Amino acid sequence: MSPTDRSGSGPGTAEHLGMRPGMIVMESGYDDDVDQDVRDSIVDLTGEELLDDDTDEVVDVVLLWYRDGDDDLADVLVDSIAPLADDGYIWLLTPKRGRGAHVDPSDIAEAASIAGLSQTSITTAGSDWSAARLVGRKSSGPKR
């Protein structure tokens, strides 16, 4: 993405989302309203097709499209953790404020907390989607 392109779409979107060649990405919540440019950017950079959410593979990233009114967000996040590699993360994509089915940031924070996740950053992903990066909480030390 050029320094002046802040839309979150285009050839640099995958880099903006921290994707690298060879990463395995699972997609969940696909519908006809998703941003195809975001999807294409990820496939182009990683060199891998996006996997469906019924995959048995361990994945580096879960690309989760979520709209207000979809299933319970905390439950969806818990389900999204299962296929993640130890250092994997979730990009939760929700419609931007002012768009239909927008998800309130407090709802995201609450659901992430219930699922045992922490939000580390927020960015844009295309013209209609916001993206929140969610990671598993690190333990404070060895378990006894």
N, C-alpha and C. Protein backbone atom coordinates (compact mmCIF):
# COMPACT_ATOMS: atom_id res chain seq x y z
N MET A 1 0.86 -1.16 0.00
CA MET A 1 0.00 0.00 0.00
C MET A 1 0.90 1.22 0.00
N SER A 2 0.61 2.16 -0.85
CA SER A 2 1.41 3.37 -0.89
C SER A 2 1.14 4.18 0.38
N PRO A 3 2.07 5.06 0.77
CA PRO A 3 1.87 5.84 1.98
C PRO A 3 0.59 6.66 1.96
N THR A 4 0.10 7.00 0.77
CA THR A 4 -1.13 7.80 0.71
C THR A 4 -2.39 6.96 0.65
N ASP A 5 -2.27 5.65 0.43
CA ASP A 5 -3.43 4.77 0.36
C ASP A 5 -3.78 4.28 1.75
N ARG A 6 -4.79 4.87 2.35
CA ARG A 6 -5.22 4.48 3.70
C ARG A 6 -6.55 3.75 3.68
N SER A 7 -7.00 3.35 2.52
CA SER A 7 -8.30 2.70 2.42
C SER A 7 -8.29 1.29 2.97
N GLY A 8 -7.10 0.67 3.02
CA GLY A 8 -7.03 -0.70 3.48
C GLY A 8 -7.32 -1.71 2.39
N SER A 9 -7.51 -1.24 1.15
CA SER A 9 -7.69 -2.19 0.06
C SER A 9 -6.62 -1.93 -0.97
N GLY A 10 -6.50 -2.84 -1.92
CA GLY A 10 -5.48 -2.71 -2.93
C GLY A 10 -4.37 -3.70 -2.67
N PRO A 11 -3.29 -3.59 -3.44
CA PRO A 11 -2.25 -4.61 -3.38
C PRO A 11 -1.55 -4.72 -2.04
N GLY A 12 -1.57 -3.67 -1.23
CA GLY A 12 -0.85 -3.71 0.04
C GLY A 12 -1.69 -4.15 1.22
N THR A 13 -2.94 -4.51 1.01
CA THR A 13 -3.81 -4.86 2.12
C THR A 13 -3.26 -6.04 2.91
N ALA A 14 -2.83 -7.07 2.24
CA ALA A 14 -2.31 -8.25 2.94
C ALA A 14 -1.09 -7.90 3.78
N GLU A 15 -0.19 -7.09 3.23
CA GLU A 15 0.98 -6.66 4.01
C GLU A 15 0.54 -5.85 5.22
N HIS A 16 -0.44 -4.97 5.01
CA HIS A 16 -0.97 -4.13 6.08
C HIS A 16 -1.54 -5.00 7.22
N LEU A 17 -2.07 -6.16 6.86
CA LEU A 17 -2.62 -7.09 7.85
C LEU A 17 -1.58 -8.07 8.39
N GLY A 18 -0.32 -7.86 8.02
CA GLY A 18 0.76 -8.69 8.55
C GLY A 18 0.92 -10.04 7.89
N MET A 19 0.33 -10.21 6.72
CA MET A 19 0.45 -11.50 6.01
C MET A 19 1.83 -11.60 5.36
N ARG A 20 2.30 -12.85 5.23
CA ARG A 20 3.57 -13.12 4.59
C ARG A 20 3.41 -14.30 3.64
N PRO A 21 4.30 -14.43 2.66
CA PRO A 21 4.22 -15.58 1.76
C PRO A 21 4.25 -16.89 2.56
N GLY A 22 3.42 -17.82 2.13
CA GLY A 22 3.38 -19.14 2.75
C GLY A 22 2.44 -19.26 3.94
N MET A 23 1.91 -18.15 4.43
CA MET A 23 0.99 -18.24 5.58
C MET A 23 -0.28 -18.97 5.17
N ILE A 24 -0.82 -19.74 6.10
CA ILE A 24 -2.07 -20.46 5.88
C ILE A 24 -3.18 -19.66 6.57
N VAL A 25 -4.20 -19.27 5.79
CA VAL A 25 -5.27 -18.42 6.29
C VAL A 25 -6.61 -19.15 6.13
N MET A 26 -7.33 -19.23 7.23
CA MET A 26 -8.68 -19.79 7.19
C MET A 26 -9.67 -18.63 7.19
N GLU A 27 -10.69 -18.74 6.38
CA GLU A 27 -11.71 -17.70 6.30
C GLU A 27 -13.02 -18.23 6.86
N SER A 28 -13.67 -17.40 7.67
CA SER A 28 -14.95 -17.76 8.25
C SER A 28 -15.90 -16.57 8.11
N GLY A 29 -17.18 -16.84 8.00
CA GLY A 29 -18.17 -15.78 7.89
C GLY A 29 -18.31 -15.20 6.50
N TYR A 30 -17.82 -15.94 5.49
CA TYR A 30 -17.91 -15.46 4.11
C TYR A 30 -19.37 -15.28 3.71
N ASP A 31 -19.65 -14.19 3.03
CA ASP A 31 -20.95 -13.94 2.43
C ASP A 31 -20.70 -13.03 1.23
N ASP A 32 -21.74 -12.70 0.48
CA ASP A 32 -21.53 -11.91 -0.73
C ASP A 32 -21.22 -10.45 -0.45
N ASP A 33 -21.17 -10.02 0.82
CA ASP A 33 -20.82 -8.64 1.14
C ASP A 33 -19.34 -8.46 1.50
N VAL A 34 -18.56 -9.54 1.52
CA VAL A 34 -17.15 -9.41 1.89
C VAL A 34 -16.40 -8.60 0.83
N ASP A 35 -15.24 -8.09 1.19
CA ASP A 35 -14.43 -7.30 0.26
C ASP A 35 -13.52 -8.25 -0.53
N GLN A 36 -13.87 -8.46 -1.79
CA GLN A 36 -13.11 -9.39 -2.63
C GLN A 36 -11.67 -8.94 -2.82
N ASP A 37 -11.42 -7.62 -2.86
CA ASP A 37 -10.05 -7.13 -3.01
C ASP A 37 -9.18 -7.53 -1.83
N VAL A 38 -9.74 -7.50 -0.62
CA VAL A 38 -9.00 -7.92 0.56
C VAL A 38 -8.64 -9.41 0.43
N ARG A 39 -9.61 -10.22 0.07
CA ARG A 39 -9.39 -11.65 -0.10
C ARG A 39 -8.31 -11.92 -1.16
N ASP A 40 -8.44 -11.24 -2.31
CA ASP A 40 -7.48 -11.44 -3.41
C ASP A 40 -6.07 -11.03 -3.00
N SER A 41 -5.96 -9.94 -2.26
CA SER A 41 -4.66 -9.47 -1.80
C SER A 41 -3.98 -10.51 -0.92
N ILE A 42 -4.75 -11.14 -0.05
CA ILE A 42 -4.20 -12.16 0.85
C ILE A 42 -3.74 -13.37 0.04
N VAL A 43 -4.57 -13.83 -0.88
CA VAL A 43 -4.20 -14.98 -1.71
C VAL A 43 -2.96 -14.66 -2.55
N ASP A 44 -2.91 -13.46 -3.13
CA ASP A 44 -1.77 -13.07 -3.96
C ASP A 44 -0.47 -13.05 -3.15
N LEU A 45 -0.51 -12.50 -1.94
CA LEU A 45 0.71 -12.40 -1.15
C LEU A 45 1.12 -13.74 -0.55
N THR A 46 0.17 -14.47 0.03
CA THR A 46 0.53 -15.72 0.70
C THR A 46 0.85 -16.82 -0.30
N GLY A 47 0.26 -16.73 -1.49
CA GLY A 47 0.44 -17.79 -2.48
C GLY A 47 -0.38 -19.02 -2.15
N GLU A 48 -1.31 -18.87 -1.22
CA GLU A 48 -2.16 -19.98 -0.76
C GLU A 48 -3.62 -19.58 -0.88
N GLU A 49 -4.47 -20.53 -1.24
CA GLU A 49 -5.90 -20.28 -1.24
C GLU A 49 -6.40 -20.16 0.19
N LEU A 50 -7.46 -19.40 0.41
CA LEU A 50 -8.07 -19.31 1.73
C LEU A 50 -8.78 -20.63 2.02
N LEU A 51 -8.60 -21.13 3.24
CA LEU A 51 -9.24 -22.38 3.64
C LEU A 51 -10.62 -22.09 4.23
N ASP A 52 -11.55 -23.02 4.04
CA ASP A 52 -12.87 -22.91 4.64
C ASP A 52 -12.78 -23.19 6.13
N ASP A 53 -13.81 -22.76 6.87
CA ASP A 53 -13.77 -22.93 8.31
C ASP A 53 -14.02 -24.37 8.78
N ASP A 54 -14.18 -25.30 7.85
CA ASP A 54 -14.30 -26.71 8.24
C ASP A 54 -12.99 -27.47 8.04
N THR A 55 -11.88 -26.73 7.86
CA THR A 55 -10.59 -27.36 7.64
C THR A 55 -10.08 -28.04 8.92
N ASP A 56 -9.26 -29.06 8.74
CA ASP A 56 -8.61 -29.74 9.86
C ASP A 56 -7.17 -29.26 10.00
N GLU A 57 -6.73 -28.35 9.12
CA GLU A 57 -5.35 -27.87 9.15
C GLU A 57 -5.14 -26.86 10.26
N VAL A 58 -3.90 -26.78 10.75
CA VAL A 58 -3.50 -25.72 11.66
C VAL A 58 -3.21 -24.50 10.80
N VAL A 59 -3.73 -23.34 11.22
CA VAL A 59 -3.60 -22.14 10.39
C VAL A 59 -2.85 -21.04 11.15
N ASP A 60 -2.26 -20.14 10.36
CA ASP A 60 -1.54 -19.00 10.94
C ASP A 60 -2.48 -17.86 11.29
N VAL A 61 -3.53 -17.69 10.48
CA VAL A 61 -4.45 -16.57 10.64
C VAL A 61 -5.87 -17.04 10.36
N VAL A 62 -6.81 -16.52 11.16
CA VAL A 62 -8.22 -16.69 10.85
C VAL A 62 -8.74 -15.32 10.41
N LEU A 63 -9.31 -15.28 9.23
CA LEU A 63 -9.95 -14.09 8.69
C LEU A 63 -11.44 -14.26 8.94
N LEU A 64 -11.96 -13.53 9.93
CA LEU A 64 -13.33 -13.73 10.39
C LEU A 64 -14.19 -12.52 10.03
N TRP A 65 -15.08 -12.70 9.06
CA TRP A 65 -16.05 -11.67 8.67
C TRP A 65 -17.24 -11.80 9.62
N TYR A 66 -17.59 -10.73 10.32
CA TYR A 66 -18.66 -10.81 11.30
C TYR A 66 -19.52 -9.55 11.24
N ARG A 67 -20.84 -9.77 11.30
CA ARG A 67 -21.80 -8.66 11.24
C ARG A 67 -22.73 -8.76 12.44
N ASP A 68 -23.23 -7.61 12.90
CA ASP A 68 -24.22 -7.60 13.96
C ASP A 68 -25.40 -8.46 13.51
N GLY A 69 -25.83 -9.37 14.36
CA GLY A 69 -26.92 -10.26 14.00
C GLY A 69 -26.45 -11.66 13.61
N ASP A 70 -25.14 -11.84 13.37
CA ASP A 70 -24.61 -13.18 13.14
C ASP A 70 -24.67 -13.93 14.47
N ASP A 71 -24.19 -15.15 14.51
CA ASP A 71 -24.17 -15.93 15.74
C ASP A 71 -23.46 -15.17 16.85
N ASP A 72 -23.58 -15.66 18.09
CA ASP A 72 -22.94 -15.02 19.24
C ASP A 72 -21.44 -14.85 18.99
N LEU A 73 -20.95 -13.62 19.10
CA LEU A 73 -19.56 -13.33 18.75
C LEU A 73 -18.58 -14.08 19.63
N ALA A 74 -18.83 -14.17 20.93
CA ALA A 74 -17.91 -14.90 21.81
C ALA A 74 -17.80 -16.36 21.38
N ASP A 75 -18.92 -16.98 21.05
CA ASP A 75 -18.91 -18.37 20.59
C ASP A 75 -18.14 -18.51 19.27
N VAL A 76 -18.36 -17.58 18.37
CA VAL A 76 -17.66 -17.61 17.07
C VAL A 76 -16.15 -17.48 17.29
N LEU A 77 -15.75 -16.59 18.20
CA LEU A 77 -14.32 -16.41 18.47
C LEU A 77 -13.71 -17.66 19.09
N VAL A 78 -14.42 -18.28 20.04
CA VAL A 78 -13.93 -19.51 20.65
C VAL A 78 -13.73 -20.57 19.57
N ASP A 79 -14.68 -20.71 18.66
CA ASP A 79 -14.55 -21.67 17.57
C ASP A 79 -13.37 -21.34 16.65
N SER A 80 -13.07 -20.05 16.51
CA SER A 80 -11.98 -19.62 15.62
C SER A 80 -10.60 -19.87 16.21
N ILE A 81 -10.52 -20.04 17.52
CA ILE A 81 -9.24 -20.28 18.18
C ILE A 81 -8.72 -21.68 17.89
N ALA A 82 -9.62 -22.65 17.80
CA ALA A 82 -9.23 -24.06 17.71
C ALA A 82 -8.20 -24.36 16.61
N PRO A 83 -8.35 -23.86 15.38
CA PRO A 83 -7.39 -24.23 14.34
C PRO A 83 -6.10 -23.40 14.35
N LEU A 84 -6.00 -22.41 15.24
CA LEU A 84 -4.85 -21.51 15.21
C LEU A 84 -3.56 -22.15 15.72
N ALA A 85 -2.46 -21.87 15.03
CA ALA A 85 -1.14 -22.22 15.53
C ALA A 85 -0.88 -21.45 16.82
N ASP A 86 0.08 -21.88 17.60
CA ASP A 86 0.37 -21.23 18.88
C ASP A 86 0.60 -19.73 18.74
N ASP A 87 1.25 -19.32 17.66
CA ASP A 87 1.52 -17.89 17.47
C ASP A 87 0.55 -17.26 16.46
N GLY A 88 -0.56 -17.94 16.19
CA GLY A 88 -1.54 -17.44 15.23
C GLY A 88 -2.40 -16.34 15.81
N TYR A 89 -3.18 -15.70 14.95
CA TYR A 89 -4.05 -14.62 15.37
C TYR A 89 -5.29 -14.55 14.50
N ILE A 90 -6.25 -13.80 14.98
CA ILE A 90 -7.52 -13.64 14.29
C ILE A 90 -7.64 -12.19 13.83
N TRP A 91 -8.04 -11.99 12.58
CA TRP A 91 -8.47 -10.67 12.12
C TRP A 91 -9.99 -10.71 12.09
N LEU A 92 -10.60 -9.99 13.00
CA LEU A 92 -12.05 -9.88 13.06
C LEU A 92 -12.46 -8.68 12.21
N LEU A 93 -13.13 -8.95 11.10
CA LEU A 93 -13.57 -7.89 10.19
C LEU A 93 -15.05 -7.63 10.40
N THR A 94 -15.37 -6.38 10.70
CA THR A 94 -16.76 -5.98 10.93
C THR A 94 -17.06 -4.74 10.09
N PRO A 95 -18.33 -4.55 9.73
CA PRO A 95 -18.67 -3.36 8.95
C PRO A 95 -18.28 -2.08 9.70
N LYS A 96 -17.76 -1.11 8.96
CA LYS A 96 -17.37 0.17 9.56
C LYS A 96 -18.58 0.88 10.15
N ARG A 97 -18.31 1.76 11.11
CA ARG A 97 -19.36 2.56 11.72
C ARG A 97 -20.15 3.27 10.62
N GLY A 98 -21.47 3.29 10.76
CA GLY A 98 -22.32 3.93 9.78
C GLY A 98 -22.80 2.97 8.69
N ARG A 99 -22.22 1.78 8.63
CA ARG A 99 -22.65 0.77 7.66
C ARG A 99 -23.67 -0.15 8.34
N GLY A 100 -24.49 -0.80 7.55
CA GLY A 100 -25.43 -1.76 8.10
C GLY A 100 -24.70 -2.88 8.81
N ALA A 101 -25.27 -3.39 9.89
CA ALA A 101 -24.74 -4.51 10.67
C ALA A 101 -23.41 -4.18 11.36
N HIS A 102 -23.16 -2.88 11.61
CA HIS A 102 -21.98 -2.44 12.36
C HIS A 102 -21.97 -3.10 13.74
N VAL A 103 -20.80 -3.48 14.21
CA VAL A 103 -20.64 -4.09 15.53
C VAL A 103 -19.96 -3.08 16.44
N ASP A 104 -20.57 -2.80 17.58
CA ASP A 104 -20.03 -1.82 18.51
C ASP A 104 -18.69 -2.31 19.08
N PRO A 105 -17.68 -1.44 19.15
CA PRO A 105 -16.37 -1.85 19.68
C PRO A 105 -16.44 -2.45 21.09
N SER A 106 -17.39 -1.99 21.92
CA SER A 106 -17.50 -2.57 23.26
C SER A 106 -17.97 -4.02 23.19
N ASP A 107 -18.79 -4.35 22.19
CA ASP A 107 -19.22 -5.74 22.02
C ASP A 107 -18.04 -6.62 21.60
N ILE A 108 -17.17 -6.08 20.76
CA ILE A 108 -15.97 -6.81 20.35
C ILE A 108 -15.07 -7.05 21.55
N ALA A 109 -14.84 -6.00 22.35
CA ALA A 109 -13.97 -6.12 23.52
C ALA A 109 -14.52 -7.15 24.51
N GLU A 110 -15.82 -7.12 24.74
CA GLU A 110 -16.43 -8.06 25.68
C GLU A 110 -16.32 -9.49 25.17
N ALA A 111 -16.65 -9.71 23.91
CA ALA A 111 -16.59 -11.06 23.34
C ALA A 111 -15.15 -11.58 23.31
N ALA A 112 -14.20 -10.72 22.98
CA ALA A 112 -12.79 -11.13 22.96
C ALA A 112 -12.35 -11.56 24.36
N SER A 113 -12.74 -10.80 25.36
CA SER A 113 -12.38 -11.12 26.74
C SER A 113 -12.97 -12.47 27.16
N ILE A 114 -14.23 -12.71 26.84
CA ILE A 114 -14.88 -13.98 27.17
C ILE A 114 -14.15 -15.13 26.49
N ALA A 115 -13.70 -14.92 25.26
CA ALA A 115 -13.01 -15.97 24.49
C ALA A 115 -11.55 -16.13 24.89
N GLY A 116 -11.06 -15.29 25.80
CA GLY A 116 -9.66 -15.38 26.22
C GLY A 116 -8.70 -14.73 25.25
N LEU A 117 -9.19 -13.74 24.52
CA LEU A 117 -8.38 -13.05 23.52
C LEU A 117 -8.14 -11.60 23.93
N SER A 118 -7.08 -11.02 23.41
CA SER A 118 -6.79 -9.61 23.60
C SER A 118 -6.72 -8.93 22.25
N GLN A 119 -7.26 -7.72 22.17
CA GLN A 119 -7.18 -6.95 20.94
C GLN A 119 -5.87 -6.18 20.93
N THR A 120 -5.09 -6.34 19.85
CA THR A 120 -3.78 -5.68 19.79
C THR A 120 -3.74 -4.51 18.83
N SER A 121 -4.64 -4.46 17.85
CA SER A 121 -4.66 -3.32 16.93
C SER A 121 -5.98 -3.28 16.18
N ILE A 122 -6.24 -2.11 15.61
CA ILE A 122 -7.43 -1.89 14.79
C ILE A 122 -6.96 -1.18 13.52
N THR A 123 -7.52 -1.57 12.38
CA THR A 123 -7.16 -0.93 11.12
C THR A 123 -8.36 -1.03 10.18
N THR A 124 -8.18 -0.57 8.97
CA THR A 124 -9.22 -0.71 7.96
C THR A 124 -8.87 -1.87 7.04
N ALA A 125 -9.89 -2.46 6.47
CA ALA A 125 -9.69 -3.55 5.51
C ALA A 125 -10.72 -3.34 4.41
N GLY A 126 -10.37 -2.54 3.44
CA GLY A 126 -11.30 -2.20 2.38
C GLY A 126 -12.12 -0.99 2.76
N SER A 127 -13.01 -0.60 1.87
CA SER A 127 -13.76 0.63 2.08
C SER A 127 -14.90 0.47 3.07
N ASP A 128 -15.36 -0.76 3.33
CA ASP A 128 -16.53 -0.97 4.18
C ASP A 128 -16.25 -1.73 5.47
N TRP A 129 -15.01 -2.17 5.69
CA TRP A 129 -14.73 -3.06 6.80
C TRP A 129 -13.64 -2.52 7.72
N SER A 130 -13.84 -2.71 9.01
CA SER A 130 -12.82 -2.46 10.03
C SER A 130 -12.25 -3.81 10.45
N ALA A 131 -11.01 -3.82 10.87
CA ALA A 131 -10.38 -5.08 11.27
C ALA A 131 -9.73 -4.93 12.64
N ALA A 132 -10.04 -5.85 13.52
CA ALA A 132 -9.45 -5.89 14.86
C ALA A 132 -8.59 -7.15 14.95
N ARG A 133 -7.33 -6.97 15.33
CA ARG A 133 -6.42 -8.11 15.47
C ARG A 133 -6.54 -8.65 16.89
N LEU A 134 -6.86 -9.93 16.99
CA LEU A 134 -7.07 -10.57 18.28
C LEU A 134 -6.06 -11.70 18.46
N VAL A 135 -5.45 -11.76 19.62
CA VAL A 135 -4.47 -12.80 19.92
C VAL A 135 -4.82 -13.44 21.26
N GLY A 136 -4.34 -14.66 21.46
CA GLY A 136 -4.53 -15.33 22.74
C GLY A 136 -3.72 -14.63 23.81
N ARG A 137 -4.27 -14.60 25.00
CA ARG A 137 -3.55 -13.99 26.12
C ARG A 137 -2.39 -14.88 26.50
N LYS A 138 -1.26 -14.25 26.77
CA LYS A 138 -0.08 -14.99 27.19
C LYS A 138 -0.19 -15.27 28.69
N SER A 139 0.25 -16.44 29.08
CA SER A 139 0.21 -16.75 30.51
C SER A 139 1.30 -15.95 31.22
N SER A 140 1.12 -15.73 32.51
CA SER A 140 2.09 -14.93 33.26
C SER A 140 3.27 -15.76 33.74
N GLY A 141 3.28 -17.00 33.42
CA GLY A 141 4.40 -17.84 33.83
C GLY A 141 4.01 -19.30 33.67
N PRO A 142 4.91 -20.20 34.07
CA PRO A 142 4.63 -21.62 33.93
C PRO A 142 3.46 -22.03 34.84
N LYS A 143 2.68 -22.98 34.35
CA LYS A 143 1.57 -23.49 35.14
C LYS A 143 2.11 -24.53 36.12
N ARG A 144 1.55 -24.54 37.29
CA ARG A 144 1.98 -25.51 38.31
C ARG A 144 0.84 -26.43 38.64
